[in-house]
N, C-alpha and C. Protein backbone atom coordinates (compact mmCIF):
# COMPACT_ATOMS: atom_id res chain seq x y z
N UNK A 1 44.24 -4.73 31.08
CA UNK A 1 43.74 -5.34 29.70
C UNK A 1 42.31 -5.10 29.66
N UNK A 2 41.57 -4.96 30.75
CA UNK A 2 40.37 -4.87 30.48
C UNK A 2 39.76 -3.56 29.69
N UNK A 3 40.58 -2.82 29.63
CA UNK A 3 40.30 -1.38 29.01
C UNK A 3 40.36 -1.92 27.26
N UNK A 4 41.32 -2.93 27.35
CA UNK A 4 41.47 -3.23 25.72
C UNK A 4 40.28 -4.11 25.11
N UNK A 5 39.83 -4.93 26.11
CA UNK A 5 38.87 -5.93 25.81
C UNK A 5 37.32 -5.06 25.29
N UNK A 6 37.39 -3.98 26.07
CA UNK A 6 36.22 -3.12 25.66
C UNK A 6 36.34 -2.20 24.70
N UNK A 7 37.59 -2.02 23.88
CA UNK A 7 37.71 -0.95 22.84
C UNK A 7 38.30 -1.88 21.82
N UNK A 8 37.72 -2.70 21.60
CA UNK A 8 37.83 -3.76 20.48
C UNK A 8 37.13 -3.18 19.07
N UNK A 9 38.08 -3.02 18.03
CA UNK A 9 37.45 -2.59 16.66
C UNK A 9 37.40 -3.74 15.89
N UNK A 10 36.21 -4.32 15.25
CA UNK A 10 35.92 -5.47 14.53
C UNK A 10 35.52 -4.99 12.99
N UNK A 11 36.07 -5.73 12.38
CA UNK A 11 35.95 -5.40 10.92
C UNK A 11 35.90 -6.80 10.13
N UNK A 12 34.66 -6.80 9.65
CA UNK A 12 34.23 -7.97 8.59
C UNK A 12 34.23 -8.03 7.15
N UNK A 13 35.23 -8.43 6.62
CA UNK A 13 34.86 -8.59 5.02
C UNK A 13 34.91 -9.95 4.37
N UNK A 14 35.11 -9.69 2.86
CA UNK A 14 34.86 -11.25 2.34
C UNK A 14 35.83 -12.29 2.82
N UNK A 15 36.85 -12.07 3.15
CA UNK A 15 38.03 -12.79 3.60
C UNK A 15 37.59 -13.19 5.15
N UNK A 16 37.03 -12.75 5.96
CA UNK A 16 37.06 -12.69 7.45
C UNK A 16 36.86 -11.69 8.29
N UNK A 17 36.78 -12.07 9.40
CA UNK A 17 36.91 -11.28 10.68
C UNK A 17 38.29 -10.66 11.17
N UNK A 18 38.60 -9.31 11.43
CA UNK A 18 39.75 -8.90 11.85
C UNK A 18 39.30 -8.22 12.99
N UNK A 19 39.89 -8.57 13.92
CA UNK A 19 39.84 -7.68 15.37
C UNK A 19 40.93 -7.25 15.77
N UNK A 20 41.19 -5.76 16.10
CA UNK A 20 42.20 -5.16 16.49
C UNK A 20 41.85 -4.57 17.92
N UNK A 21 42.97 -4.63 18.86
CA UNK A 21 42.63 -4.09 20.07
C UNK A 21 43.37 -2.62 19.80
N UNK A 22 42.41 -1.66 19.88
CA UNK A 22 43.08 -0.34 19.45
C UNK A 22 41.87 0.53 20.27
N UNK A 23 42.53 1.74 20.98
CA UNK A 23 41.66 2.63 21.41
C UNK A 23 40.76 3.22 20.71
N UNK A 24 39.16 3.05 21.12
CA UNK A 24 38.20 3.62 20.09
C UNK A 24 37.57 4.69 20.96
N UNK A 25 37.16 5.70 20.48
CA UNK A 25 36.91 6.83 21.38
C UNK A 25 35.43 6.86 21.51
N UNK A 26 34.92 7.33 22.95
CA UNK A 26 33.87 7.02 23.22
C UNK A 26 32.67 7.79 22.10
N UNK A 27 32.85 8.60 21.59
CA UNK A 27 31.69 8.96 20.24
C UNK A 27 31.62 7.65 19.50
N UNK A 28 32.77 7.00 18.97
CA UNK A 28 32.47 6.10 17.98
C UNK A 28 31.72 4.90 18.56
N UNK A 29 31.91 4.62 19.92
CA UNK A 29 31.40 3.34 20.63
C UNK A 29 29.94 3.81 21.03
N UNK A 30 29.40 5.28 21.01
CA UNK A 30 27.99 5.66 20.98
C UNK A 30 27.36 5.42 19.50
N UNK A 31 28.06 5.86 18.58
CA UNK A 31 27.62 5.80 17.58
C UNK A 31 27.20 4.18 17.03
N UNK A 32 28.45 3.44 17.44
CA UNK A 32 27.77 1.85 16.84
C UNK A 32 27.17 1.29 17.70
N UNK A 33 26.77 1.68 19.03
CA UNK A 33 25.47 1.27 19.70
C UNK A 33 24.35 1.61 19.17
N UNK A 34 24.41 2.85 18.87
CA UNK A 34 23.21 3.46 18.33
C UNK A 34 22.64 2.71 17.12
N UNK A 35 23.83 2.51 16.12
CA UNK A 35 23.50 2.00 14.82
C UNK A 35 22.91 0.39 14.99
N UNK A 36 23.63 -0.02 16.04
CA UNK A 36 23.00 -1.52 16.23
C UNK A 36 21.60 -1.56 17.08
N UNK A 37 21.30 -0.53 17.65
CA UNK A 37 20.06 -0.19 18.27
C UNK A 37 18.67 -0.02 17.18
N UNK A 38 19.26 0.93 16.22
CA UNK A 38 18.38 1.09 14.99
C UNK A 38 18.21 0.11 14.15
N UNK A 39 19.11 -0.67 13.91
CA UNK A 39 18.99 -1.94 13.08
C UNK A 39 18.25 -2.72 13.87
N UNK A 40 18.29 -2.88 15.12
CA UNK A 40 17.21 -3.88 15.67
C UNK A 40 15.92 -3.54 15.59
N UNK A 41 15.67 -2.32 15.68
CA UNK A 41 14.37 -1.59 15.72
C UNK A 41 13.74 -1.79 14.11
N UNK A 42 14.79 -1.51 13.09
CA UNK A 42 14.22 -1.63 11.86
C UNK A 42 14.05 -3.13 11.47
N UNK A 43 14.54 -4.14 12.07
CA UNK A 43 14.14 -5.76 11.80
C UNK A 43 12.79 -5.93 12.61
N UNK A 44 12.83 -5.19 14.11
CA UNK A 44 11.04 -5.42 14.26
C UNK A 44 10.12 -5.10 13.62
N UNK A 45 10.46 -3.48 13.13
CA UNK A 45 9.27 -2.73 12.25
C UNK A 45 9.11 -3.82 10.76
N UNK A 46 10.50 -4.12 10.42
CA UNK A 46 9.93 -5.15 9.08
C UNK A 46 8.94 -6.56 9.47
N UNK A 47 9.34 -6.98 10.51
CA UNK A 47 8.81 -8.21 11.03
C UNK A 47 7.16 -7.81 11.26
N UNK A 48 7.07 -6.43 11.88
CA UNK A 48 5.61 -6.23 12.11
C UNK A 48 4.84 -6.24 10.85
N UNK A 49 5.63 -5.05 9.66
CA UNK A 49 5.06 -5.07 8.59
C UNK A 49 4.81 -6.15 7.78
N UNK A 50 5.73 -7.14 7.60
CA UNK A 50 5.16 -8.45 7.06
C UNK A 50 4.00 -9.12 7.67
N UNK A 51 3.92 -9.10 9.12
CA UNK A 51 2.67 -9.58 9.51
C UNK A 51 1.51 -9.07 9.24
N UNK A 52 1.41 -7.49 9.43
CA UNK A 52 0.15 -6.66 8.84
C UNK A 52 -0.11 -6.91 7.46
N UNK A 53 0.80 -7.09 6.59
CA UNK A 53 0.66 -7.52 5.01
C UNK A 53 0.18 -8.81 4.92
N UNK A 54 0.63 -9.88 5.88
CA UNK A 54 -0.09 -11.12 5.69
C UNK A 54 -1.52 -11.06 6.09
N UNK A 55 -1.93 -10.28 7.02
CA UNK A 55 -3.25 -10.41 7.58
C UNK A 55 -3.94 -9.63 6.82
N UNK A 56 -3.52 -8.50 6.04
CA UNK A 56 -4.62 -7.83 4.73
C UNK A 56 -4.46 -8.85 3.57
N UNK A 57 -3.60 -9.61 3.30
CA UNK A 57 -3.54 -10.75 2.29
C UNK A 57 -4.86 -11.78 2.53
N UNK A 58 -4.81 -11.76 3.72
CA UNK A 58 -5.90 -13.11 4.21
C UNK A 58 -7.39 -12.21 3.76
N UNK A 59 -7.19 -10.91 4.35
CA UNK A 59 -8.70 -10.24 4.02
C UNK A 59 -8.94 -9.87 2.77
N UNK A 60 -7.94 -10.35 1.93
CA UNK A 60 -8.46 -10.07 0.49
C UNK A 60 -7.70 -8.75 -0.11
N UNK A 61 -7.12 -7.80 0.53
CA UNK A 61 -6.60 -6.61 0.01
C UNK A 61 -5.34 -7.04 -0.46
N UNK A 62 -4.44 -7.64 -0.16
CA UNK A 62 -3.25 -8.04 -0.93
C UNK A 62 -2.39 -6.55 -1.25
N UNK A 63 -1.61 -5.84 -0.27
CA UNK A 63 -1.06 -4.87 -0.36
C UNK A 63 0.15 -5.29 -1.26
N UNK A 64 0.66 -6.35 -1.56
CA UNK A 64 1.73 -7.05 -2.18
C UNK A 64 1.53 -6.77 -3.53
N UNK A 65 0.33 -6.64 -4.07
CA UNK A 65 -0.14 -6.32 -5.30
C UNK A 65 0.44 -4.62 -5.90
N UNK A 66 0.58 -3.94 -4.85
CA UNK A 66 1.20 -2.61 -5.05
C UNK A 66 2.59 -2.27 -5.09
N UNK A 67 3.25 -3.42 -4.90
CA UNK A 67 4.99 -2.91 -5.01
C UNK A 67 5.16 -2.20 -6.05
N UNK A 68 4.32 -2.64 -7.11
CA UNK A 68 4.70 -1.64 -8.35
C UNK A 68 4.32 -0.05 -8.23
N UNK A 69 3.71 -0.11 -7.39
CA UNK A 69 3.05 1.36 -6.88
C UNK A 69 3.80 1.97 -5.81
N UNK A 70 4.13 1.11 -4.85
CA UNK A 70 4.64 1.72 -3.66
C UNK A 70 5.78 3.08 -3.80
N UNK A 71 6.29 3.08 -5.05
CA UNK A 71 7.15 4.17 -5.06
C UNK A 71 6.25 5.59 -5.37
N UNK A 72 5.22 5.33 -6.19
CA UNK A 72 4.88 6.34 -6.90
C UNK A 72 3.11 6.56 -6.17
N UNK A 73 2.39 6.27 -7.04
CA UNK A 73 0.84 6.26 -6.77
C UNK A 73 0.22 6.06 -5.02
N UNK A 74 0.71 5.02 -4.67
CA UNK A 74 0.29 4.61 -3.49
C UNK A 74 0.83 5.68 -2.53
N UNK A 75 2.20 6.00 -2.65
CA UNK A 75 2.82 6.74 -1.44
C UNK A 75 2.17 8.38 -1.73
N UNK A 76 1.87 8.60 -2.97
CA UNK A 76 1.41 9.88 -3.12
C UNK A 76 -0.15 9.99 -2.48
N UNK A 77 -0.80 8.83 -2.49
CA UNK A 77 -2.20 8.73 -2.03
C UNK A 77 -1.84 9.14 -0.30
N UNK A 78 -0.73 8.52 0.26
CA UNK A 78 -0.23 8.44 1.62
C UNK A 78 -0.11 9.91 1.94
N UNK A 79 1.19 10.30 1.15
CA UNK A 79 1.41 12.04 1.47
C UNK A 79 0.48 12.89 1.51
N UNK A 80 -0.11 12.82 0.33
CA UNK A 80 -0.89 14.16 -0.19
C UNK A 80 -2.32 13.79 0.36
N UNK A 81 -2.65 12.78 0.71
CA UNK A 81 -4.13 12.54 1.30
C UNK A 81 -5.38 13.40 0.35
N UNK A 82 -5.33 12.75 -0.64
CA UNK A 82 -6.30 13.27 -1.68
C UNK A 82 -7.59 12.84 -1.23
N UNK A 83 -8.14 12.13 -0.52
CA UNK A 83 -9.41 11.75 -0.30
C UNK A 83 -9.97 12.25 0.67
N UNK A 84 -9.18 13.03 1.55
CA UNK A 84 -9.78 13.63 2.72
C UNK A 84 -11.10 14.27 2.75
N UNK A 85 -11.17 15.35 1.75
CA UNK A 85 -12.22 15.97 1.46
C UNK A 85 -13.35 15.43 0.15
N UNK A 86 -13.14 14.47 -0.21
CA UNK A 86 -14.23 13.97 -1.49
C UNK A 86 -14.86 13.17 -0.90
N UNK A 87 -15.93 13.08 -1.87
CA UNK A 87 -17.10 12.13 -1.77
C UNK A 87 -16.64 10.51 -2.11
N UNK A 88 -17.23 9.45 -1.61
CA UNK A 88 -16.65 8.00 -1.89
C UNK A 88 -16.60 7.72 -3.42
N UNK A 89 -17.67 8.11 -4.06
CA UNK A 89 -17.83 8.03 -5.82
C UNK A 89 -16.55 9.09 -6.21
N UNK A 90 -16.12 9.98 -5.83
CA UNK A 90 -15.05 10.81 -6.38
C UNK A 90 -13.91 10.05 -6.07
N UNK A 91 -13.62 9.40 -5.11
CA UNK A 91 -12.50 8.65 -4.65
C UNK A 91 -12.26 7.19 -5.46
N UNK A 92 -13.44 6.71 -5.70
CA UNK A 92 -13.47 5.59 -6.42
C UNK A 92 -13.15 5.95 -7.96
N UNK A 93 -13.70 6.72 -8.45
CA UNK A 93 -13.40 7.06 -9.75
C UNK A 93 -12.01 7.75 -9.68
N UNK A 94 -11.64 8.60 -9.30
CA UNK A 94 -9.97 9.06 -9.06
C UNK A 94 -9.07 7.67 -9.27
N UNK A 95 -9.38 6.65 -8.21
CA UNK A 95 -8.34 5.34 -8.13
C UNK A 95 -8.48 4.81 -9.46
N UNK A 96 -9.86 4.54 -10.32
CA UNK A 96 -9.95 3.89 -11.19
C UNK A 96 -9.40 4.65 -12.39
N UNK A 97 -9.30 5.63 -12.39
CA UNK A 97 -8.68 6.55 -13.57
C UNK A 97 -7.01 6.51 -13.27
N UNK A 98 -6.58 6.82 -11.80
CA UNK A 98 -5.25 6.54 -11.69
C UNK A 98 -4.40 5.04 -12.23
N UNK A 99 -5.51 4.10 -12.26
CA UNK A 99 -5.15 2.63 -12.38
C UNK A 99 -5.68 2.08 -13.65
N UNK A 100 -5.92 2.88 -14.80
CA UNK A 100 -6.53 2.83 -15.65
C UNK A 100 -6.61 1.44 -16.44
N UNK A 101 -5.36 0.87 -16.56
CA UNK A 101 -5.08 -0.38 -17.30
C UNK A 101 -5.14 -1.51 -16.36
N UNK A 102 -5.56 -1.51 -15.06
CA UNK A 102 -5.43 -2.18 -14.04
C UNK A 102 -7.01 -2.85 -13.30
N UNK A 103 -7.35 -4.04 -13.17
CA UNK A 103 -8.39 -4.44 -12.54
C UNK A 103 -8.24 -4.54 -11.39
N UNK A 104 -9.01 -3.93 -10.42
CA UNK A 104 -8.92 -3.85 -9.03
C UNK A 104 -10.13 -4.30 -8.44
N UNK A 105 -10.06 -5.10 -7.17
CA UNK A 105 -11.27 -5.64 -6.27
C UNK A 105 -11.46 -4.51 -5.45
N UNK A 106 -12.97 -4.35 -4.95
CA UNK A 106 -13.31 -3.57 -4.06
C UNK A 106 -12.45 -3.46 -2.83
N UNK A 107 -11.76 -4.97 -2.28
CA UNK A 107 -10.92 -4.55 -1.00
C UNK A 107 -9.93 -3.68 -1.37
N UNK A 108 -9.23 -3.89 -2.57
CA UNK A 108 -8.05 -2.99 -3.24
C UNK A 108 -8.24 -1.51 -3.23
N UNK A 109 -9.44 -1.21 -3.62
CA UNK A 109 -9.86 0.29 -3.85
C UNK A 109 -10.25 0.48 -2.57
N UNK A 110 -10.85 -0.19 -1.51
CA UNK A 110 -11.15 0.25 -0.12
C UNK A 110 -9.61 0.53 0.31
N UNK A 111 -8.78 -0.23 0.31
CA UNK A 111 -7.49 0.02 0.78
C UNK A 111 -6.83 1.24 0.53
N UNK A 112 -6.79 1.55 -0.98
CA UNK A 112 -6.41 2.64 -1.56
C UNK A 112 -6.83 3.86 -0.78
N UNK A 113 -8.16 3.89 -0.83
CA UNK A 113 -8.96 4.91 -0.38
C UNK A 113 -8.64 5.39 1.14
N UNK A 114 -8.45 4.35 1.83
CA UNK A 114 -8.25 4.36 3.28
C UNK A 114 -6.64 4.98 3.69
N UNK A 115 -5.82 4.36 2.71
CA UNK A 115 -4.57 4.94 2.50
C UNK A 115 -4.53 6.39 1.94
N UNK A 116 -5.35 6.84 1.39
CA UNK A 116 -5.30 8.23 0.89
C UNK A 116 -6.40 9.39 1.68
N UNK A 117 -6.70 8.77 2.95
CA UNK A 117 -7.28 9.71 3.94
C UNK A 117 -8.72 9.72 4.10
N UNK A 118 -9.41 8.89 3.13
CA UNK A 118 -10.78 8.91 3.26
C UNK A 118 -11.51 8.49 4.65
N UNK A 119 -12.21 9.14 5.28
CA UNK A 119 -12.72 8.69 6.90
C UNK A 119 -14.13 8.15 6.63
N UNK A 120 -14.07 6.99 6.17
CA UNK A 120 -15.29 6.19 6.13
C UNK A 120 -16.06 6.40 7.70
N UNK A 121 -17.85 6.76 7.27
CA UNK A 121 -18.74 6.89 8.24
C UNK A 121 -19.53 5.56 8.47
N UNK A 122 -19.01 4.57 8.19
CA UNK A 122 -19.96 3.25 8.20
C UNK A 122 -19.24 2.26 8.72
N UNK A 123 -19.75 1.34 9.42
CA UNK A 123 -18.95 0.07 10.25
C UNK A 123 -18.57 -0.86 9.07
N UNK A 124 -19.22 -0.80 7.76
CA UNK A 124 -18.92 -1.84 6.51
C UNK A 124 -18.66 -0.99 5.32
N UNK A 125 -17.20 -0.80 5.50
CA UNK A 125 -16.63 0.15 4.44
C UNK A 125 -16.59 -0.59 3.09
N UNK A 126 -16.15 -1.93 2.90
CA UNK A 126 -16.00 -2.52 1.88
C UNK A 126 -17.33 -2.75 1.34
N UNK A 127 -18.63 -2.73 2.02
CA UNK A 127 -19.81 -2.97 1.12
C UNK A 127 -19.93 -1.60 0.64
N UNK A 128 -19.58 -0.25 1.08
CA UNK A 128 -19.97 0.89 0.64
C UNK A 128 -19.09 1.01 -0.52
N UNK A 129 -18.08 0.79 -0.71
CA UNK A 129 -17.02 0.95 -1.84
C UNK A 129 -17.90 0.19 -2.92
N UNK A 130 -18.44 -1.29 -2.62
CA UNK A 130 -18.95 -2.14 -3.61
C UNK A 130 -20.13 -1.67 -4.21
N UNK A 131 -21.19 -1.32 -3.25
CA UNK A 131 -22.15 -0.35 -3.78
C UNK A 131 -21.97 0.91 -4.35
N UNK A 132 -20.87 1.66 -4.28
CA UNK A 132 -20.53 2.59 -5.35
C UNK A 132 -19.73 2.30 -6.43
N UNK A 133 -18.99 1.11 -6.42
CA UNK A 133 -18.73 1.01 -7.67
C UNK A 133 -19.92 0.12 -8.71
N UNK A 134 -20.46 -0.59 -7.86
CA UNK A 134 -21.83 -1.17 -8.66
C UNK A 134 -22.35 0.30 -9.37
N UNK A 135 -22.68 1.40 -8.69
CA UNK A 135 -23.15 2.60 -9.18
C UNK A 135 -22.41 2.92 -10.46
N UNK A 136 -21.46 3.30 -10.31
CA UNK A 136 -20.60 3.52 -11.23
C UNK A 136 -20.61 2.78 -12.47
N UNK A 137 -20.45 1.56 -12.35
CA UNK A 137 -20.68 0.73 -13.61
C UNK A 137 -21.99 0.70 -14.26
N UNK A 138 -23.14 0.91 -13.55
CA UNK A 138 -24.68 1.13 -13.95
C UNK A 138 -24.42 2.49 -14.75
N UNK A 139 -23.60 3.19 -14.50
CA UNK A 139 -23.48 4.53 -14.75
C UNK A 139 -22.66 4.83 -16.04
N UNK A 140 -21.86 3.35 -16.63
CA UNK A 140 -20.96 3.47 -17.74
C UNK A 140 -19.56 4.18 -17.08
N UNK A 141 -19.26 4.08 -16.03
CA UNK A 141 -18.00 4.72 -15.84
C UNK A 141 -16.80 3.67 -15.43
N UNK A 142 -17.42 2.76 -15.25
CA UNK A 142 -16.43 1.63 -14.96
C UNK A 142 -16.77 0.11 -15.86
N UNK A 143 -16.05 -0.52 -15.75
CA UNK A 143 -16.71 -1.94 -16.04
C UNK A 143 -16.26 -3.19 -15.06
N UNK A 144 -17.04 -3.82 -15.02
CA UNK A 144 -16.83 -5.28 -13.94
C UNK A 144 -16.42 -6.43 -14.55
N UNK A 145 -15.50 -7.37 -13.94
CA UNK A 145 -15.08 -8.50 -14.47
C UNK A 145 -15.45 -9.22 -13.21
N UNK A 146 -16.65 -10.19 -13.57
CA UNK A 146 -17.35 -10.87 -12.62
C UNK A 146 -16.41 -12.02 -12.32
N UNK A 147 -15.93 -12.53 -10.90
CA UNK A 147 -15.15 -13.23 -10.51
C UNK A 147 -15.60 -14.18 -9.32
N UNK A 148 -15.73 -15.54 -9.20
CA UNK A 148 -16.28 -16.14 -8.38
C UNK A 148 -15.30 -16.18 -7.02
N UNK A 149 -15.51 -16.59 -5.96
CA UNK A 149 -14.50 -16.63 -4.70
C UNK A 149 -14.55 -15.64 -3.93
N UNK A 150 -13.47 -15.62 -2.91
CA UNK A 150 -13.38 -14.85 -1.72
C UNK A 150 -13.16 -13.56 -2.23
N UNK A 151 -12.52 -12.97 -3.10
CA UNK A 151 -12.15 -11.65 -3.20
C UNK A 151 -13.16 -10.93 -4.17
N UNK A 152 -14.04 -11.76 -4.94
CA UNK A 152 -15.19 -10.93 -5.51
C UNK A 152 -14.83 -10.34 -6.98
N UNK A 153 -16.01 -9.50 -7.51
CA UNK A 153 -15.72 -8.78 -8.69
C UNK A 153 -14.44 -8.17 -8.75
N UNK A 154 -14.05 -7.59 -9.89
CA UNK A 154 -12.99 -6.56 -10.06
C UNK A 154 -13.41 -5.78 -10.96
N UNK A 155 -13.10 -4.22 -10.74
CA UNK A 155 -13.36 -3.16 -11.46
C UNK A 155 -12.23 -2.55 -12.31
N UNK A 156 -12.73 -2.01 -13.13
CA UNK A 156 -11.41 -1.40 -14.00
C UNK A 156 -12.28 -0.07 -14.71
N UNK A 157 -11.40 1.07 -14.79
CA UNK A 157 -12.20 2.21 -15.52
C UNK A 157 -12.50 2.04 -17.22
N UNK A 158 -13.38 2.60 -17.40
CA UNK A 158 -14.08 2.33 -18.69
C UNK A 158 -13.53 2.88 -19.93
N UNK A 159 -12.90 2.62 -20.74
CA UNK A 159 -11.90 3.73 -21.65
C UNK A 159 -13.24 4.52 -22.22
N UNK A 160 -12.79 5.63 -22.79
CA UNK A 160 -13.96 6.52 -23.21
C UNK A 160 -14.78 6.27 -23.96
N UNK A 161 -14.18 5.40 -25.30
CA UNK A 161 -15.17 5.21 -26.40
C UNK A 161 -16.25 4.11 -25.60
N UNK A 162 -15.95 3.27 -24.98
CA UNK A 162 -16.66 2.43 -24.33
C UNK A 162 -17.59 3.03 -23.64
N UNK A 163 -17.18 4.01 -22.58
CA UNK A 163 -18.01 4.96 -21.87
C UNK A 163 -19.04 5.66 -22.78
N UNK A 164 -18.68 6.16 -23.82
CA UNK A 164 -19.85 6.99 -24.75
C UNK A 164 -21.07 5.61 -25.38
N UNK A 165 -20.65 4.58 -25.57
CA UNK A 165 -21.49 3.36 -25.98
C UNK A 165 -22.24 3.25 -24.82
N UNK A 166 -21.68 2.82 -23.54
CA UNK A 166 -22.64 2.63 -22.24
C UNK A 166 -23.79 4.01 -22.22
N UNK A 167 -23.02 4.90 -22.44
CA UNK A 167 -24.10 6.06 -21.97
C UNK A 167 -25.27 6.02 -23.12
N UNK A 168 -24.88 5.57 -24.48
CA UNK A 168 -26.00 6.00 -25.45
C UNK A 168 -26.88 4.61 -25.01
N UNK A 169 -26.37 3.47 -24.37
CA UNK A 169 -27.19 2.42 -24.28
C UNK A 169 -28.23 2.93 -23.31
N UNK A 170 -27.65 3.18 -22.28
CA UNK A 170 -28.59 3.71 -21.13
C UNK A 170 -29.51 4.83 -21.44
N UNK A 171 -29.15 5.85 -22.53
CA UNK A 171 -30.34 6.55 -22.50
C UNK A 171 -31.24 5.66 -23.52
N UNK A 172 -31.07 4.58 -24.30
CA UNK A 172 -31.99 4.05 -25.25
C UNK A 172 -32.99 3.33 -24.45
N UNK A 173 -32.33 2.89 -23.05
CA UNK A 173 -33.27 2.32 -22.10
C UNK A 173 -34.20 3.04 -21.49
N UNK A 174 -33.85 4.44 -21.50
CA UNK A 174 -34.92 5.34 -21.04
C UNK A 174 -36.02 5.61 -21.74
């Protein structure tokens, strides 16, 4: 009888649970155990990812905003690591161009840059990104939306016509 209790085959459907006492081979038992172990590991990883996303959200990065990009742009950055051999200015410009219709905070841009493989050489990477974005704004490459609060200003790629107008204004000032 002990052999039968060890080899139970359980099937759950919308009606209920069916338990049949039939011999289950050792390979199937190993596969079921491995599947259970993997599901447990997946749940642990999902919990940890939620905790990390919460911490990033508190820091102002809000990776939840990238759900629309998680299958495209952000994953491209992660897999291709395009920022590995770029300057910080080039990284910021590429991100702004890739997200042409979206406003991004410097924390979000910093997040995408680091996901894309850029290695910051400073302890205050968010400040470096902020200074770079301010210079890009001064050069007429992006526009800034002044926002008060913890998350600060937001930046967006400047449309071509506006960039030409900004360049003309900068030339007049000189």
